[in-house]
């Protein structure tokens, strides 16, 4: 059976640690973007929104895998 890349725990974990947190200095890029959105997103350009989605996608995939795993555990 073929395993989908979207469901590969190792790939998603590596993506979270690299793309999801890059650049690492002075702070992860995603944290700054989320803080910006929580502050009202004043002055955010379309490129900033794309950047937020790009850096946030691995974390969304990880959350999806965790929910699916929890659903299979609690279903039994």
Protein backbone atom coordinates (compact mmCIF):
# COMPACT_ATOMS: atom_id res chain seq x y z
CA UNK A 1 0.00 0.00 0.00
CA UNK A 2 1.31 3.45 -0.92
CA UNK A 3 1.70 5.92 1.91
CA UNK A 4 0.76 9.50 1.13
CA UNK A 5 3.34 12.21 1.81
CA UNK A 6 0.63 14.16 3.67
CA UNK A 7 0.41 11.30 6.17
CA UNK A 8 4.13 10.67 6.63
CA UNK A 9 4.99 11.54 10.24
CA UNK A 10 8.73 11.83 9.56
CA UNK A 11 8.32 14.21 6.63
CA UNK A 12 5.84 16.40 8.50
CA UNK A 13 8.10 16.53 11.58
CA UNK A 14 11.12 17.53 9.49
CA UNK A 15 9.04 20.17 7.70
CA UNK A 16 7.92 21.61 11.06
CA UNK A 17 11.47 21.80 12.36
CA UNK A 18 12.92 23.32 9.18
CA UNK A 19 10.36 25.25 7.13
CA UNK A 20 8.01 25.77 10.05
CA UNK A 21 10.64 27.46 12.20
CA UNK A 22 12.95 29.03 9.60
CA UNK A 23 14.70 31.46 9.91
CA UNK A 24 15.79 30.58 13.41
CA UNK A 25 17.49 33.86 14.35
CA UNK A 26 16.43 36.23 15.92
CA UNK A 27 13.12 34.35 16.29
CA UNK A 28 11.18 31.85 14.18
CA UNK A 29 9.46 33.67 11.34
CA UNK A 30 6.11 32.08 12.08
CA UNK A 31 6.04 33.50 15.62
CA UNK A 32 6.50 37.03 14.32
CA UNK A 33 3.75 36.60 11.71
CA UNK A 34 1.29 35.14 14.24
CA UNK A 35 2.05 37.97 16.65
CA UNK A 36 1.46 40.43 13.80
CA UNK A 37 -1.94 38.87 13.01
CA UNK A 38 -2.94 38.82 16.68
CA UNK A 39 -2.01 42.49 16.85
CA UNK A 40 -4.53 43.32 14.15
CA UNK A 41 -2.49 42.58 11.01
CA UNK A 42 -2.05 46.29 10.37
CA UNK A 43 0.09 46.83 7.30
CA UNK A 44 0.26 43.19 6.21
CA UNK A 45 0.75 42.82 2.47
CA UNK A 46 -0.33 39.80 0.36
CA UNK A 47 3.26 38.50 0.50
CA UNK A 48 3.10 38.51 4.30
CA UNK A 49 -0.09 36.42 4.23
CA UNK A 50 1.49 33.98 1.78
CA UNK A 51 4.52 33.77 4.04
CA UNK A 52 2.30 33.02 7.04
CA UNK A 53 0.56 30.21 5.15
CA UNK A 54 3.85 28.82 3.85
CA UNK A 55 5.51 28.68 7.27
CA UNK A 56 2.30 27.54 9.00
CA UNK A 57 1.41 24.67 6.64
CA UNK A 58 3.72 22.08 8.28
CA UNK A 59 2.17 22.84 11.68
CA UNK A 60 -1.35 22.50 10.27
CA UNK A 61 -0.37 19.13 8.78
CA UNK A 62 1.07 18.02 12.13
CA UNK A 63 -2.10 19.07 13.93
CA UNK A 64 -4.14 17.17 11.32
CA UNK A 65 -2.10 14.02 11.87
CA UNK A 66 -2.52 14.31 15.64
CA UNK A 67 -6.29 14.70 15.32
CA UNK A 68 -6.52 11.72 12.97
CA UNK A 69 -4.39 9.61 15.33
CA UNK A 70 -6.55 10.63 18.33
CA UNK A 71 -9.71 9.83 16.36
CA UNK A 72 -8.49 6.31 15.61
CA UNK A 73 -7.50 5.75 19.25
CA UNK A 74 -10.82 6.94 20.68
CA UNK A 75 -12.89 5.18 18.02
CA UNK A 76 -11.89 1.74 19.32
